[in-house]
Each structure stands twice: as C-alpha cells, then as structure tokens.
Amino acid sequence: MAIAAVKKAKLDIVGPLTLFLPDWRKQTSGEVTIGVGYPVTGSGQMVPRFEQDIKSEFKCLSVIRKAGVDNSSAWKELYVIAEQKGMQVSGNNRTVVTRGDGGYQVELQLGLL
C-alpha cells in the first residue's frame, strides 16, 4: 500500500509504519477504525484514495514490545502508569512498527496532554 502511494505521488518513505489508534478506554464492539501512515519527504502530487496529513509533535508514554503478539495487557499497563503518575491521556494513541533484533517490534505510544 505504502509503496503504491509514494510511487504515484513521487514521495520517499523516510520512517517506520505508524498505526493511529483510538482511545482504548472507550468500549468498542466489532470493527476498530485505525489510520495507517508513513513519514514521507518530497513534494509529490495528491493520489486518489490517499491523503497526506502532517502530524504535530506527540507527547506520549511508551513501551516497546514484540510484534505479532497480543499487546492488550501492555496497553492496560500504560493507562495504569499514566493514572498513577497523574498524567492526563489525550485519547490519541499510536503503534510504531520497526525492525528489531530477530524480527519486528512495536512501540506502543499512549498519547498524553
């Protein structure tokens, strides 16, 4: 998906896959809507079905875990730590996927105000 988008738009991917996630404190049933993105450079053209969105700086509490496993307990732990430290969560969460030692890893980022 990313390669198709940047080739058509004449952009270069300069960073890891990032998933933009909902506020996990809210009850969800069924499907969960997420955003998928990569940092890019270049001054390309707009491509149908894709949009360029410039994100502002992001304050977060994070933890790195192995990719491909259930990390729901790690998310819960981040919320507990934030509450214990008196931090206010923003509801904007991200997961950054990178290649690590022996495979892929994810950095779970709990957004803070």
N, C-alpha and C. Protein backbone atom coordinates (compact mmCIF):
# COMPACT_ATOMS: atom_id res chain seq x y z
N MET A 1 0.82 -1.19 0.00
CA MET A 1 0.00 0.00 0.00
C MET A 1 0.87 1.25 0.00
N ALA A 2 1.84 1.30 0.90
CA ALA A 2 2.68 2.49 1.01
C ALA A 2 3.51 2.71 -0.24
N ILE A 3 4.06 1.64 -0.78
CA ILE A 3 4.89 1.76 -1.97
C ILE A 3 4.07 2.27 -3.14
N ALA A 4 2.86 1.76 -3.30
CA ALA A 4 1.99 2.22 -4.38
C ALA A 4 1.68 3.70 -4.23
N ALA A 5 1.39 4.14 -3.02
CA ALA A 5 1.04 5.54 -2.78
C ALA A 5 2.21 6.47 -3.05
N VAL A 6 3.39 6.13 -2.54
CA VAL A 6 4.52 7.05 -2.71
C VAL A 6 5.09 7.04 -4.11
N LYS A 7 5.02 5.92 -4.80
CA LYS A 7 5.49 5.90 -6.18
C LYS A 7 4.64 6.79 -7.06
N LYS A 8 3.32 6.69 -6.92
CA LYS A 8 2.42 7.51 -7.72
C LYS A 8 2.54 8.98 -7.36
N ALA A 9 2.77 9.27 -6.09
CA ALA A 9 2.85 10.66 -5.63
C ALA A 9 4.26 11.22 -5.74
N LYS A 10 5.22 10.37 -6.07
CA LYS A 10 6.63 10.76 -6.18
C LYS A 10 7.17 11.26 -4.84
N LEU A 11 6.96 10.45 -3.79
CA LEU A 11 7.45 10.74 -2.45
C LEU A 11 8.39 9.62 -2.02
N ASP A 12 9.15 9.88 -0.95
CA ASP A 12 10.04 8.86 -0.39
C ASP A 12 9.64 8.56 1.05
N ILE A 13 9.55 7.28 1.39
CA ILE A 13 9.28 6.87 2.78
C ILE A 13 10.57 7.05 3.56
N VAL A 14 10.50 7.76 4.70
CA VAL A 14 11.69 8.06 5.49
C VAL A 14 11.59 7.58 6.94
N GLY A 15 10.63 6.72 7.22
CA GLY A 15 10.48 6.24 8.59
C GLY A 15 9.56 5.04 8.66
N PRO A 16 9.28 4.62 9.87
CA PRO A 16 8.54 3.37 10.08
C PRO A 16 7.03 3.50 9.89
N LEU A 17 6.41 2.34 9.71
CA LEU A 17 4.95 2.23 9.66
C LEU A 17 4.38 2.68 11.00
N THR A 18 3.38 3.54 10.96
CA THR A 18 2.73 4.00 12.18
C THR A 18 1.23 3.77 12.06
N LEU A 19 0.66 3.17 13.10
CA LEU A 19 -0.78 2.95 13.18
C LEU A 19 -1.34 3.99 14.14
N PHE A 20 -2.38 4.70 13.73
CA PHE A 20 -3.04 5.71 14.54
C PHE A 20 -4.30 5.08 15.12
N LEU A 21 -4.33 4.96 16.44
CA LEU A 21 -5.31 4.13 17.13
C LEU A 21 -6.29 4.94 17.95
N PRO A 22 -7.45 4.35 18.25
CA PRO A 22 -8.47 5.05 19.04
C PRO A 22 -8.12 5.06 20.53
N ASP A 23 -8.95 5.72 21.28
CA ASP A 23 -8.85 5.76 22.74
C ASP A 23 -9.30 4.40 23.26
N TRP A 24 -8.39 3.63 23.83
CA TRP A 24 -8.71 2.27 24.27
C TRP A 24 -9.57 2.23 25.52
N ARG A 25 -9.81 3.38 26.16
CA ARG A 25 -10.68 3.40 27.34
C ARG A 25 -12.15 3.26 26.95
N LYS A 26 -12.47 3.59 25.71
CA LYS A 26 -13.86 3.52 25.24
C LYS A 26 -14.19 2.10 24.82
N GLN A 27 -15.36 1.65 25.21
CA GLN A 27 -15.82 0.30 24.85
C GLN A 27 -16.06 0.25 23.34
N THR A 28 -15.54 -0.79 22.73
CA THR A 28 -15.78 -0.98 21.30
C THR A 28 -16.30 -2.39 21.09
N SER A 29 -17.14 -2.52 20.11
CA SER A 29 -17.59 -3.84 19.71
C SER A 29 -17.51 -3.89 18.19
N GLY A 30 -17.09 -5.00 17.68
CA GLY A 30 -16.96 -5.13 16.23
C GLY A 30 -15.64 -4.55 15.74
N GLU A 31 -15.71 -3.86 14.64
CA GLU A 31 -14.51 -3.34 13.98
C GLU A 31 -13.96 -2.11 14.69
N VAL A 32 -12.64 -1.96 14.63
CA VAL A 32 -11.96 -0.80 15.18
C VAL A 32 -11.32 -0.05 14.01
N THR A 33 -11.60 1.24 13.90
CA THR A 33 -11.04 2.05 12.82
C THR A 33 -9.67 2.57 13.23
N ILE A 34 -8.67 2.34 12.36
CA ILE A 34 -7.33 2.86 12.61
C ILE A 34 -6.84 3.59 11.38
N GLY A 35 -5.86 4.46 11.57
CA GLY A 35 -5.19 5.11 10.46
C GLY A 35 -3.84 4.44 10.26
N VAL A 36 -3.37 4.44 9.03
CA VAL A 36 -2.09 3.83 8.69
C VAL A 36 -1.25 4.88 7.98
N GLY A 37 -0.01 5.04 8.41
CA GLY A 37 0.81 6.05 7.76
C GLY A 37 2.30 5.78 7.83
N TYR A 38 3.03 6.51 7.02
CA TYR A 38 4.48 6.50 6.99
C TYR A 38 4.95 7.95 6.91
N PRO A 39 6.06 8.28 7.53
CA PRO A 39 6.63 9.60 7.29
C PRO A 39 7.24 9.63 5.88
N VAL A 40 7.00 10.71 5.15
CA VAL A 40 7.48 10.83 3.77
C VAL A 40 8.13 12.19 3.55
N THR A 41 8.96 12.26 2.51
CA THR A 41 9.52 13.52 2.06
C THR A 41 9.23 13.66 0.58
N GLY A 42 9.34 14.88 0.11
CA GLY A 42 9.12 15.16 -1.30
C GLY A 42 7.95 16.09 -1.48
N SER A 43 7.81 16.55 -2.69
CA SER A 43 6.71 17.47 -2.99
C SER A 43 5.87 16.88 -4.11
N GLY A 44 5.35 15.72 -3.84
CA GLY A 44 4.59 14.98 -4.85
C GLY A 44 3.17 15.49 -5.03
N GLN A 45 2.47 14.80 -5.88
CA GLN A 45 1.09 15.14 -6.19
C GLN A 45 0.13 14.30 -5.35
N MET A 46 -1.09 14.76 -5.21
CA MET A 46 -2.11 14.00 -4.48
C MET A 46 -2.52 12.79 -5.32
N VAL A 47 -2.74 11.68 -4.64
CA VAL A 47 -3.12 10.43 -5.30
C VAL A 47 -4.49 10.03 -4.76
N PRO A 48 -5.44 9.68 -5.63
CA PRO A 48 -6.75 9.25 -5.15
C PRO A 48 -6.64 8.12 -4.13
N ARG A 49 -7.52 8.12 -3.14
CA ARG A 49 -7.60 7.15 -2.05
C ARG A 49 -6.56 7.36 -0.96
N PHE A 50 -5.58 8.26 -1.16
CA PHE A 50 -4.56 8.51 -0.16
C PHE A 50 -4.56 10.00 0.15
N GLU A 51 -4.17 10.34 1.38
CA GLU A 51 -4.06 11.74 1.73
C GLU A 51 -2.81 11.96 2.55
N GLN A 52 -2.24 13.14 2.42
CA GLN A 52 -1.08 13.49 3.21
C GLN A 52 -1.56 14.30 4.40
N ASP A 53 -1.14 13.89 5.59
CA ASP A 53 -1.57 14.53 6.82
C ASP A 53 -0.32 14.84 7.65
N ILE A 54 -0.10 16.09 7.93
CA ILE A 54 1.06 16.48 8.72
C ILE A 54 0.67 16.45 10.19
N LYS A 55 1.33 15.60 10.94
CA LYS A 55 1.04 15.42 12.37
C LYS A 55 1.92 16.36 13.19
N SER A 56 1.34 16.89 14.27
CA SER A 56 2.11 17.74 15.17
C SER A 56 2.92 16.88 16.13
N GLU A 57 3.78 17.53 16.92
CA GLU A 57 4.56 16.79 17.90
C GLU A 57 3.62 16.02 18.82
N PHE A 58 4.12 14.94 19.34
CA PHE A 58 3.28 13.99 20.06
C PHE A 58 3.93 13.64 21.39
N LYS A 59 3.30 14.04 22.48
CA LYS A 59 3.78 13.70 23.82
C LYS A 59 3.14 12.37 24.19
N CYS A 60 3.97 11.42 24.67
CA CYS A 60 3.41 10.11 24.95
C CYS A 60 4.20 9.37 26.03
N LEU A 61 3.58 8.34 26.53
CA LEU A 61 4.19 7.35 27.41
C LEU A 61 4.29 6.10 26.55
N SER A 62 5.46 5.47 26.49
CA SER A 62 5.59 4.37 25.54
C SER A 62 6.32 3.16 26.13
N VAL A 63 6.14 2.05 25.45
CA VAL A 63 6.81 0.80 25.79
C VAL A 63 7.05 0.03 24.49
N ILE A 64 8.16 -0.68 24.43
CA ILE A 64 8.49 -1.47 23.24
C ILE A 64 8.23 -2.94 23.53
N ARG A 65 7.54 -3.58 22.60
CA ARG A 65 7.18 -4.99 22.74
C ARG A 65 7.42 -5.71 21.41
N LYS A 66 7.37 -7.02 21.45
CA LYS A 66 7.50 -7.83 20.25
C LYS A 66 6.23 -7.68 19.41
N ALA A 67 6.40 -7.60 18.10
CA ALA A 67 5.25 -7.52 17.19
C ALA A 67 4.63 -8.89 17.00
N GLY A 68 3.37 -8.91 16.62
CA GLY A 68 2.69 -10.15 16.28
C GLY A 68 2.13 -10.90 17.46
N VAL A 69 2.12 -10.29 18.64
CA VAL A 69 1.53 -10.91 19.82
C VAL A 69 0.46 -9.97 20.38
N ASP A 70 -0.37 -10.50 21.24
CA ASP A 70 -1.42 -9.69 21.87
C ASP A 70 -0.77 -8.74 22.88
N ASN A 71 -0.83 -7.45 22.61
CA ASN A 71 -0.24 -6.45 23.49
C ASN A 71 -1.28 -5.69 24.30
N SER A 72 -2.48 -6.26 24.43
CA SER A 72 -3.54 -5.56 25.17
C SER A 72 -3.15 -5.34 26.63
N SER A 73 -2.43 -6.25 27.24
CA SER A 73 -2.03 -6.06 28.64
C SER A 73 -1.01 -4.91 28.76
N ALA A 74 -0.18 -4.74 27.74
CA ALA A 74 0.79 -3.63 27.75
C ALA A 74 0.06 -2.29 27.65
N TRP A 75 -1.01 -2.24 26.83
CA TRP A 75 -1.80 -1.01 26.75
C TRP A 75 -2.43 -0.71 28.11
N LYS A 76 -2.99 -1.72 28.75
CA LYS A 76 -3.60 -1.52 30.07
C LYS A 76 -2.56 -1.00 31.05
N GLU A 77 -1.37 -1.56 31.00
CA GLU A 77 -0.28 -1.14 31.90
C GLU A 77 0.07 0.34 31.67
N LEU A 78 0.11 0.77 30.42
CA LEU A 78 0.41 2.17 30.12
C LEU A 78 -0.65 3.10 30.72
N TYR A 79 -1.93 2.72 30.59
CA TYR A 79 -3.01 3.53 31.19
C TYR A 79 -2.87 3.60 32.71
N VAL A 80 -2.54 2.48 33.34
CA VAL A 80 -2.37 2.44 34.79
C VAL A 80 -1.21 3.32 35.22
N ILE A 81 -0.09 3.22 34.53
CA ILE A 81 1.08 4.04 34.86
C ILE A 81 0.75 5.52 34.72
N ALA A 82 0.08 5.89 33.63
CA ALA A 82 -0.30 7.29 33.42
C ALA A 82 -1.17 7.79 34.56
N GLU A 83 -2.14 6.98 34.97
CA GLU A 83 -3.04 7.38 36.06
C GLU A 83 -2.27 7.51 37.38
N GLN A 84 -1.39 6.56 37.66
CA GLN A 84 -0.62 6.58 38.90
C GLN A 84 0.29 7.81 38.98
N LYS A 85 0.79 8.25 37.83
CA LYS A 85 1.70 9.40 37.79
C LYS A 85 0.96 10.72 37.61
N GLY A 86 -0.38 10.66 37.59
CA GLY A 86 -1.18 11.87 37.45
C GLY A 86 -1.14 12.49 36.06
N MET A 87 -0.83 11.70 35.06
CA MET A 87 -0.78 12.18 33.67
C MET A 87 -2.18 12.13 33.07
N GLN A 88 -2.45 13.05 32.17
CA GLN A 88 -3.75 13.09 31.50
C GLN A 88 -3.59 12.56 30.08
N VAL A 89 -4.32 11.50 29.74
CA VAL A 89 -4.21 10.91 28.41
C VAL A 89 -5.04 11.72 27.41
N SER A 90 -4.58 11.73 26.16
CA SER A 90 -5.23 12.53 25.13
C SER A 90 -6.27 11.76 24.33
N GLY A 91 -6.19 10.43 24.34
CA GLY A 91 -7.09 9.63 23.51
C GLY A 91 -6.51 9.35 22.14
N ASN A 92 -5.37 9.95 21.83
CA ASN A 92 -4.67 9.68 20.57
C ASN A 92 -3.52 8.73 20.86
N ASN A 93 -3.57 7.57 20.28
CA ASN A 93 -2.56 6.55 20.53
C ASN A 93 -1.95 6.11 19.21
N ARG A 94 -0.72 5.65 19.29
CA ARG A 94 -0.02 5.19 18.09
C ARG A 94 0.74 3.91 18.40
N THR A 95 0.93 3.13 17.35
CA THR A 95 1.83 1.99 17.40
C THR A 95 2.80 2.17 16.24
N VAL A 96 4.09 2.20 16.56
CA VAL A 96 5.14 2.36 15.56
C VAL A 96 5.81 1.00 15.38
N VAL A 97 5.83 0.52 14.14
CA VAL A 97 6.37 -0.81 13.83
C VAL A 97 7.75 -0.64 13.20
N THR A 98 8.75 -1.29 13.83
CA THR A 98 10.12 -1.22 13.31
C THR A 98 10.73 -2.62 13.30
N ARG A 99 11.78 -2.74 12.54
CA ARG A 99 12.52 -4.00 12.50
C ARG A 99 13.50 -3.98 13.67
N GLY A 100 13.44 -5.00 14.50
CA GLY A 100 14.31 -5.09 15.67
C GLY A 100 15.17 -6.33 15.62
N ASP A 101 15.79 -6.64 16.72
CA ASP A 101 16.62 -7.83 16.82
C ASP A 101 15.75 -9.08 16.62
N GLY A 102 16.01 -9.82 15.58
CA GLY A 102 15.31 -11.07 15.35
C GLY A 102 13.88 -10.93 14.85
N GLY A 103 13.50 -9.81 14.30
CA GLY A 103 12.15 -9.65 13.77
C GLY A 103 11.64 -8.23 13.95
N TYR A 104 10.34 -8.11 14.02
CA TYR A 104 9.72 -6.80 14.16
C TYR A 104 9.36 -6.52 15.61
N GLN A 105 9.36 -5.25 15.94
CA GLN A 105 8.93 -4.84 17.27
C GLN A 105 7.96 -3.68 17.12
N VAL A 106 7.16 -3.46 18.15
CA VAL A 106 6.22 -2.35 18.15
C VAL A 106 6.50 -1.46 19.35
N GLU A 107 6.38 -0.17 19.12
CA GLU A 107 6.42 0.77 20.22
C GLU A 107 4.99 1.27 20.42
N LEU A 108 4.41 0.91 21.55
CA LEU A 108 3.06 1.35 21.88
C LEU A 108 3.18 2.73 22.50
N GLN A 109 2.48 3.72 21.95
CA GLN A 109 2.59 5.09 22.41
C GLN A 109 1.22 5.57 22.87
N LEU A 110 1.09 5.79 24.19
CA LEU A 110 -0.13 6.30 24.79
C LEU A 110 -0.04 7.82 24.79
N GLY A 111 -0.91 8.47 24.03
CA GLY A 111 -0.87 9.93 23.91
C GLY A 111 -1.22 10.63 25.20
N LEU A 112 -0.48 11.70 25.50
CA LEU A 112 -0.67 12.49 26.71
C LEU A 112 -0.94 13.95 26.36
N LEU A 113 -1.66 14.64 27.24
CA LEU A 113 -1.90 16.08 27.06
C LEU A 113 -0.76 16.85 27.70
